[in-house]
């Protein structure tokens, strides 16, 4: 008999919209694994180093082919492992995020990682967070969300996150970086950032994180009841 289809929930949106913290909490409440697809691009950026997006396509493809992605744990405690190891803290910096965004426009990168993401979705129930989960990777997912917020709000949130970690943060520099990433993500030729036609769009600018999580969990549970 064919395998039972896995339960897939997608959350897309631009950098700083609150996807990561919201997705982790929602995955825990819904008892599904959490897949941070952005971390997969960051892992490649760390592997290739600065200027990695300028390497010949065969070199990038070979690096990706050699990377094995897996998930450890479930819910909010899920960890993405690369070759059996969690990502280093350095992968979460703004610099690596910018490098990852440049790699994300390359068709060879998106094609390889799409296959890896879909493979993970065949092995476990998932809440997948990223930029094109509902449009390109899991277009048949029954429950899709798109989180958004103004660039100014997202920059302020990032400053707050860095301050909580004791790191210096320049609001204007972060705002500029966010706008640049938005431009790259929304205007790239390969899987541009946009809501899926059937996605629920949630503007988080004036919402608390608790309210966003509650809205996602309620909608996802409702979709499951009507599936």
C-alpha atoms as a PDB file:
ATOM      1  CA  UNK A   1       0.000   0.000   0.000  1.00  0.00           C
ATOM      2  CA  UNK A   2       1.235   3.556  -0.677  1.00  0.00           C
ATOM      3  CA  UNK A   3       2.511   5.481   2.315  1.00  0.00           C
ATOM      4  CA  UNK A   4       0.035   7.716   4.116  1.00  0.00           C
ATOM      5  CA  UNK A   5       0.557  11.352   3.028  1.00  0.00           C
ATOM      6  CA  UNK A   6       2.400  13.376   5.628  1.00  0.00           C
ATOM      7  CA  UNK A   7       0.847  16.426   7.255  1.00  0.00           C
ATOM      8  CA  UNK A   8       2.567  19.535   5.874  1.00  0.00           C
ATOM      9  CA  UNK A   9       2.045  23.122   7.073  1.00  0.00           C
ATOM     10  CA  UNK A  10       3.954  25.943   5.361  1.00  0.00           C
ATOM     11  CA  UNK A  11       4.910  29.380   6.666  1.00  0.00           C
ATOM     12  CA  UNK A  12       6.534  31.802   4.228  1.00  0.00           C
ATOM     13  CA  UNK A  13       7.469  35.452   4.462  1.00  0.00           C
ATOM     14  CA  UNK A  14      10.326  37.946   4.329  1.00  0.00           C
ATOM     15  CA  UNK A  15      13.266  38.150   6.725  1.00  0.00           C
ATOM     16  CA  UNK A  16      12.295  39.522  10.120  1.00  0.00           C
ATOM     17  CA  UNK A  17       8.559  38.847   9.905  1.00  0.00           C
ATOM     18  CA  UNK A  18       8.795  36.615  12.968  1.00  0.00           C
ATOM     19  CA  UNK A  19       8.654  33.297  11.114  1.00  0.00           C
ATOM     20  CA  UNK A  20      11.299  31.418  13.077  1.00  0.00           C
ATOM     21  CA  UNK A  21      10.083  31.952  16.640  1.00  0.00           C
ATOM     22  CA  UNK A  22       6.437  31.668  15.590  1.00  0.00           C
ATOM     23  CA  UNK A  23       7.098  28.515  13.554  1.00  0.00           C
ATOM     24  CA  UNK A  24       8.936  26.796  16.390  1.00  0.00           C
ATOM     25  CA  UNK A  25       6.128  27.480  18.838  1.00  0.00           C
ATOM     26  CA  UNK A  26       3.381  26.524  16.397  1.00  0.00           C
ATOM     27  CA  UNK A  27       5.163  23.274  15.516  1.00  0.00           C
ATOM     28  CA  UNK A  28       5.325  22.415  19.207  1.00  0.00           C
ATOM     29  CA  UNK A  29       1.632  23.155  19.721  1.00  0.00           C
ATOM     30  CA  UNK A  30       0.717  21.090  16.660  1.00  0.00           C
ATOM     31  CA  UNK A  31       3.083  18.207  17.522  1.00  0.00           C
ATOM     32  CA  UNK A  32       4.899  18.253  14.184  1.00  0.00           C
ATOM     33  CA  UNK A  33       8.573  18.637  13.311  1.00  0.00           C
ATOM     34  CA  UNK A  34       9.887  22.114  12.509  1.00  0.00           C
ATOM     35  CA  UNK A  35      11.900  22.632   9.319  1.00  0.00           C
ATOM     36  CA  UNK A  36      13.905  25.857   9.107  1.00  0.00           C
ATOM     37  CA  UNK A  37      14.680  25.890   5.390  1.00  0.00           C
ATOM     38  CA  UNK A  38      16.526  29.189   5.666  1.00  0.00           C
ATOM     39  CA  UNK A  39      19.069  27.365   7.785  1.00  0.00           C
ATOM     40  CA  UNK A  40      19.756  25.060   4.847  1.00  0.00           C
ATOM     41  CA  UNK A  41      20.784  28.029   2.687  1.00  0.00           C
ATOM     42  CA  UNK A  42      22.854  29.394   5.570  1.00  0.00           C
ATOM     43  CA  UNK A  43      24.577  26.022   5.934  1.00  0.00           C
ATOM     44  CA  UNK A  44      25.602  26.159   2.285  1.00  0.00           C
ATOM     45  CA  UNK A  45      26.805  29.752   2.708  1.00  0.00           C
ATOM     46  CA  UNK A  46      29.013  28.674   5.602  1.00  0.00           C
ATOM     47  CA  UNK A  47      30.301  25.687   3.609  1.00  0.00           C
ATOM     48  CA  UNK A  48      31.211  27.773   0.540  1.00  0.00           C
ATOM     49  CA  UNK A  49      32.400  30.922   2.320  1.00  0.00           C
ATOM     50  CA  UNK A  50      32.317  34.515   1.149  1.00  0.00           C
ATOM     51  CA  UNK A  51      31.785  34.845  -2.575  1.00  0.00           C
ATOM     52  CA  UNK A  52      30.357  31.334  -2.769  1.00  0.00           C
ATOM     53  CA  UNK A  53      27.585  32.466  -5.119  1.00  0.00           C
ATOM     54  CA  UNK A  54      30.260  33.373  -7.680  1.00  0.00           C
ATOM     55  CA  UNK A  55      31.736  29.867  -7.810  1.00  0.00           C
ATOM     56  CA  UNK A  56      31.182  27.769 -10.957  1.00  0.00           C
ATOM     57  CA  UNK A  57      27.836  25.981 -10.908  1.00  0.00           C
ATOM     58  CA  UNK A  58      29.417  22.480 -10.882  1.00  0.00           C
ATOM     59  CA  UNK A  59      31.363  23.380  -7.738  1.00  0.00           C
ATOM     60  CA  UNK A  60      28.231  24.616  -5.972  1.00  0.00           C
ATOM     61  CA  UNK A  61      26.298  21.546  -7.094  1.00  0.00           C
ATOM     62  CA  UNK A  62      29.059  19.232  -5.849  1.00  0.00           C
ATOM     63  CA  UNK A  63      29.109  20.962  -2.449  1.00  0.00           C
ATOM     64  CA  UNK A  64      25.346  20.540  -2.117  1.00  0.00           C
ATOM     65  CA  UNK A  65      25.423  16.914  -3.241  1.00  0.00           C
ATOM     66  CA  UNK A  66      27.897  16.203  -0.444  1.00  0.00           C
ATOM     67  CA  UNK A  67      25.669  17.726   2.261  1.00  0.00           C
ATOM     68  CA  UNK A  68      23.275  15.399   4.100  1.00  0.00           C
ATOM     69  CA  UNK A  69      20.316  17.106   5.823  1.00  0.00           C
ATOM     70  CA  UNK A  70      18.282  15.488   8.586  1.00  0.00           C
ATOM     71  CA  UNK A  71      16.019  16.466  11.473  1.00  0.00           C
ATOM     72  CA  UNK A  72      16.555  15.646  15.128  1.00  0.00           C
ATOM     73  CA  UNK A  73      13.759  15.860  17.692  1.00  0.00           C
ATOM     74  CA  UNK A  74      10.290  17.241  17.170  1.00  0.00           C
ATOM     75  CA  UNK A  75       8.125  20.309  17.753  1.00  0.00           C
ATOM     76  CA  UNK A  76       9.867  23.388  19.057  1.00  0.00           C
ATOM     77  CA  UNK A  77      12.954  21.301  19.907  1.00  0.00           C
ATOM     78  CA  UNK A  78      13.550  20.131  16.335  1.00  0.00           C
ATOM     79  CA  UNK A  79      17.093  20.717  15.091  1.00  0.00           C
ATOM     80  CA  UNK A  80      18.296  20.750  11.501  1.00  0.00           C
ATOM     81  CA  UNK A  81      21.449  18.679  11.194  1.00  0.00           C
ATOM     82  CA  UNK A  82      23.990  18.924   8.383  1.00  0.00           C
ATOM     83  CA  UNK A  83      26.115  15.805   8.064  1.00  0.00           C
ATOM     84  CA  UNK A  84      24.860  14.870  11.519  1.00  0.00           C
ATOM     85  CA  UNK A  85      25.880  18.143  13.173  1.00  0.00           C
ATOM     86  CA  UNK A  86      23.838  21.231  14.160  1.00  0.00           C
ATOM     87  CA  UNK A  87      24.621  24.553  12.502  1.00  0.00           C
ATOM     88  CA  UNK A  88      27.264  26.711  14.211  1.00  0.00           C
ATOM     89  CA  UNK A  89      26.144  29.969  15.852  1.00  0.00           C
ATOM     90  CA  UNK A  90      28.070  31.859  13.163  1.00  0.00           C
ATOM     91  CA  UNK A  91      25.443  30.740  10.635  1.00  0.00           C
ATOM     92  CA  UNK A  92      22.901  33.110  12.256  1.00  0.00           C
ATOM     93  CA  UNK A  93      24.785  36.342  11.585  1.00  0.00           C
ATOM     94  CA  UNK A  94      23.525  39.080   9.254  1.00  0.00           C
ATOM     95  CA  UNK A  95      26.593  38.542   7.075  1.00  0.00           C
ATOM     96  CA  UNK A  96      25.843  34.858   6.510  1.00  0.00           C
ATOM     97  CA  UNK A  97      22.179  35.735   5.915  1.00  0.00           C
ATOM     98  CA  UNK A  98      23.223  38.065   3.112  1.00  0.00           C
ATOM     99  CA  UNK A  99      25.481  35.378   1.618  1.00  0.00           C
ATOM    100  CA  UNK A 100      22.638  32.858   1.806  1.00  0.00           C
ATOM    101  CA  UNK A 101      20.273  35.255   0.027  1.00  0.00           C
ATOM    102  CA  UNK A 102      22.739  35.573  -2.866  1.00  0.00           C
ATOM    103  CA  UNK A 103      22.976  31.790  -3.140  1.00  0.00           C
ATOM    104  CA  UNK A 104      19.193  31.464  -3.018  1.00  0.00           C
ATOM    105  CA  UNK A 105      18.755  33.122  -6.419  1.00  0.00           C
ATOM    106  CA  UNK A 106      20.736  30.349  -8.130  1.00  0.00           C
ATOM    107  CA  UNK A 107      18.558  27.683  -9.824  1.00  0.00           C
ATOM    108  CA  UNK A 108      21.017  24.889  -8.990  1.00  0.00           C
ATOM    109  CA  UNK A 109      20.800  25.727  -5.281  1.00  0.00           C
ATOM    110  CA  UNK A 110      17.017  25.937  -5.184  1.00  0.00           C
ATOM    111  CA  UNK A 111      16.628  22.728  -7.179  1.00  0.00           C
ATOM    112  CA  UNK A 112      18.937  20.723  -4.914  1.00  0.00           C
ATOM    113  CA  UNK A 113      17.490  22.072  -1.667  1.00  0.00           C
ATOM    114  CA  UNK A 114      13.925  21.661  -2.906  1.00  0.00           C
ATOM    115  CA  UNK A 115      14.567  17.942  -3.351  1.00  0.00           C
ATOM    116  CA  UNK A 116      16.143  17.743   0.113  1.00  0.00           C
ATOM    117  CA  UNK A 117      13.192  19.560   1.682  1.00  0.00           C
ATOM    118  CA  UNK A 118      10.646  17.369  -0.073  1.00  0.00           C
ATOM    119  CA  UNK A 119      12.552  14.271   1.046  1.00  0.00           C
ATOM    120  CA  UNK A 120      12.278  15.411   4.673  1.00  0.00           C
ATOM    121  CA  UNK A 121       8.554  16.018   4.127  1.00  0.00           C
ATOM    122  CA  UNK A 122       8.108  12.403   3.058  1.00  0.00           C
ATOM    123  CA  UNK A 123       9.547  11.068   6.321  1.00  0.00           C
ATOM    124  CA  UNK A 124       7.739  13.113   8.962  1.00  0.00           C
ATOM    125  CA  UNK A 125       4.880  15.527   9.562  1.00  0.00           C
ATOM    126  CA  UNK A 126       6.317  19.017   9.096  1.00  0.00           C
ATOM    127  CA  UNK A 127       5.821  22.694   9.672  1.00  0.00           C
ATOM    128  CA  UNK A 128       8.132  24.077   6.988  1.00  0.00           C
ATOM    129  CA  UNK A 129       9.306  27.687   7.242  1.00  0.00           C
ATOM    130  CA  UNK A 130      10.953  29.577   4.407  1.00  0.00           C
ATOM    131  CA  UNK A 131      10.431  31.815   1.394  1.00  0.00           C
ATOM    132  CA  UNK A 132       8.708  29.505  -1.125  1.00  0.00           C
ATOM    133  CA  UNK A 133       7.428  26.550   0.884  1.00  0.00           C
ATOM    134  CA  UNK A 134       3.806  27.071  -0.148  1.00  0.00           C
ATOM    135  CA  UNK A 135       4.489  28.071  -3.741  1.00  0.00           C
ATOM    136  CA  UNK A 136       7.343  25.854  -4.953  1.00  0.00           C
ATOM    137  CA  UNK A 137       8.318  23.161  -2.448  1.00  0.00           C
ATOM    138  CA  UNK A 138       4.997  21.984  -0.992  1.00  0.00           C
ATOM    139  CA  UNK A 139       2.369  23.486  -3.331  1.00  0.00           C
ATOM    140  CA  UNK A 140      -0.158  20.789  -2.353  1.00  0.00           C
ATOM    141  CA  UNK A 141       0.127  21.453   1.399  1.00  0.00           C
ATOM    142  CA  UNK A 142      -3.411  21.888   2.761  1.00  0.00           C
ATOM    143  CA  UNK A 143      -2.473  24.640   5.217  1.00  0.00           C
ATOM    144  CA  UNK A 144      -0.326  27.604   4.162  1.00  0.00           C
ATOM    145  CA  UNK A 145       0.542  30.914   5.801  1.00  0.00           C
ATOM    146  CA  UNK A 146       2.406  34.027   4.689  1.00  0.00           C
ATOM    147  CA  UNK A 147       3.710  36.284   7.474  1.00  0.00           C
ATOM    148  CA  UNK A 148       4.620  39.878   6.661  1.00  0.00           C
ATOM    149  CA  UNK A 149       5.504  43.130   8.423  1.00  0.00           C
ATOM    150  CA  UNK A 150       6.892  46.494   7.402  1.00  0.00           C
ATOM    151  CA  UNK A 151      10.650  46.726   6.847  1.00  0.00           C
ATOM    152  CA  UNK A 152      10.876  49.256   9.693  1.00  0.00           C
ATOM    153  CA  UNK A 153       9.159  46.929  12.162  1.00  0.00           C
ATOM    154  CA  UNK A 154      11.336  44.019  11.100  1.00  0.00           C
ATOM    155  CA  UNK A 155      14.510  46.066  11.505  1.00  0.00           C
ATOM    156  CA  UNK A 156      13.453  47.186  14.990  1.00  0.00           C
ATOM    157  CA  UNK A 157      12.761  43.579  15.971  1.00  0.00           C
ATOM    158  CA  UNK A 158      16.199  42.519  14.786  1.00  0.00           C
ATOM    159  CA  UNK A 159      17.838  45.300  16.777  1.00  0.00           C
ATOM    160  CA  UNK A 160      15.947  44.078  19.840  1.00  0.00           C
ATOM    161  CA  UNK A 161      17.029  40.492  19.255  1.00  0.00           C
ATOM    162  CA  UNK A 162      20.676  41.488  18.950  1.00  0.00           C
ATOM    163  CA  UNK A 163      20.462  43.716  22.007  1.00  0.00           C
ATOM    164  CA  UNK A 164      19.083  40.785  24.011  1.00  0.00           C
ATOM    165  CA  UNK A 165      22.181  38.828  22.975  1.00  0.00           C
ATOM    166  CA  UNK A 166      24.445  41.673  24.016  1.00  0.00           C
ATOM    167  CA  UNK A 167      25.468  42.455  20.446  1.00  0.00           C
ATOM    168  CA  UNK A 168      25.746  46.000  19.085  1.00  0.00           C
ATOM    169  CA  UNK A 169      23.196  46.815  16.390  1.00  0.00           C
ATOM    170  CA  UNK A 170      22.894  49.684  13.914  1.00  0.00           C
ATOM    171  CA  UNK A 171      19.203  50.171  13.071  1.00  0.00           C
ATOM    172  CA  UNK A 172      19.838  51.987   9.778  1.00  0.00           C
ATOM    173  CA  UNK A 173      22.330  49.365   8.607  1.00  0.00           C
ATOM    174  CA  UNK A 174      19.938  46.553   9.473  1.00  0.00           C
ATOM    175  CA  UNK A 175      17.041  48.342   7.749  1.00  0.00           C
ATOM    176  CA  UNK A 176      19.163  48.753   4.617  1.00  0.00           C
ATOM    177  CA  UNK A 177      20.135  45.066   4.719  1.00  0.00           C
ATOM    178  CA  UNK A 178      16.501  43.983   5.116  1.00  0.00           C
ATOM    179  CA  UNK A 179      15.375  46.126   2.182  1.00  0.00           C
ATOM    180  CA  UNK A 180      18.198  44.713   0.072  1.00  0.00           C
ATOM    181  CA  UNK A 181      17.228  41.126   0.943  1.00  0.00           C
ATOM    182  CA  UNK A 182      13.582  41.918   0.229  1.00  0.00           C
ATOM    183  CA  UNK A 183      14.538  43.179  -3.206  1.00  0.00           C
ATOM    184  CA  UNK A 184      16.627  40.067  -3.900  1.00  0.00           C
ATOM    185  CA  UNK A 185      13.962  37.683  -2.632  1.00  0.00           C
ATOM    186  CA  UNK A 186      10.918  39.321  -4.226  1.00  0.00           C
ATOM    187  CA  UNK A 187      12.484  39.977  -7.642  1.00  0.00           C
ATOM    188  CA  UNK A 188      14.559  36.876  -8.251  1.00  0.00           C
ATOM    189  CA  UNK A 189      13.718  34.874 -11.362  1.00  0.00           C
ATOM    190  CA  UNK A 190      13.697  31.542  -9.531  1.00  0.00           C
ATOM    191  CA  UNK A 191      10.795  31.105  -7.061  1.00  0.00           C
ATOM    192  CA  UNK A 192      10.360  34.766  -6.044  1.00  0.00           C
ATOM    193  CA  UNK A 193       8.985  35.539  -2.594  1.00  0.00           C
ATOM    194  CA  UNK A 194       5.203  35.827  -2.771  1.00  0.00           C
ATOM    195  CA  UNK A 195       2.180  34.319  -1.013  1.00  0.00           C
ATOM    196  CA  UNK A 196       0.688  31.144  -2.440  1.00  0.00           C
ATOM    197  CA  UNK A 197      -2.770  31.821  -3.913  1.00  0.00           C
ATOM    198  CA  UNK A 198      -4.387  29.817  -1.097  1.00  0.00           C
ATOM    199  CA  UNK A 199      -2.172  31.079   1.734  1.00  0.00           C
ATOM    200  CA  UNK A 200      -3.564  32.891   4.763  1.00  0.00           C
ATOM    201  CA  UNK A 201      -1.737  36.247   4.902  1.00  0.00           C
ATOM    202  CA  UNK A 202      -0.959  37.532   8.404  1.00  0.00           C
ATOM    203  CA  UNK A 203       0.514  41.025   8.883  1.00  0.00           C
ATOM    204  CA  UNK A 204       2.405  40.741  12.166  1.00  0.00           C
ATOM    205  CA  UNK A 205       3.382  44.433  12.393  1.00  0.00           C
ATOM    206  CA  UNK A 206       0.900  45.192  15.177  1.00  0.00           C
ATOM    207  CA  UNK A 207       0.440  41.682  16.572  1.00  0.00           C
ATOM    208  CA  UNK A 208       2.068  40.032  19.539  1.00  0.00           C
ATOM    209  CA  UNK A 209       3.903  36.789  18.939  1.00  0.00           C
ATOM    210  CA  UNK A 210       1.332  34.992  21.112  1.00  0.00           C
ATOM    211  CA  UNK A 211      -1.487  36.261  18.879  1.00  0.00           C
ATOM    212  CA  UNK A 212       0.263  35.150  15.689  1.00  0.00           C
ATOM    213  CA  UNK A 213       0.954  31.671  17.089  1.00  0.00           C
ATOM    214  CA  UNK A 214      -2.645  31.339  18.259  1.00  0.00           C
ATOM    215  CA  UNK A 215      -3.991  32.318  14.825  1.00  0.00           C
ATOM    216  CA  UNK A 216      -1.765  29.796  13.041  1.00  0.00           C
ATOM    217  CA  UNK A 217      -2.500  26.942  15.440  1.00  0.00           C
ATOM    218  CA  UNK A 218      -6.268  27.531  15.296  1.00  0.00           C
ATOM    219  CA  UNK A 219      -6.290  27.661  11.481  1.00  0.00           C
ATOM    220  CA  UNK A 220      -4.067  24.589  11.152  1.00  0.00           C
ATOM    221  CA  UNK A 221      -6.243  22.566  13.520  1.00  0.00           C
ATOM    222  CA  UNK A 222      -9.327  23.680  11.638  1.00  0.00           C
ATOM    223  CA  UNK A 223      -7.782  22.611   8.337  1.00  0.00           C
ATOM    224  CA  UNK A 224      -6.960  19.186   9.797  1.00  0.00           C
ATOM    225  CA  UNK A 225     -10.542  18.676  10.923  1.00  0.00           C
ATOM    226  CA  UNK A 226     -11.805  19.435   7.418  1.00  0.00           C
ATOM    227  CA  UNK A 227      -9.125  17.514   5.518  1.00  0.00           C
END
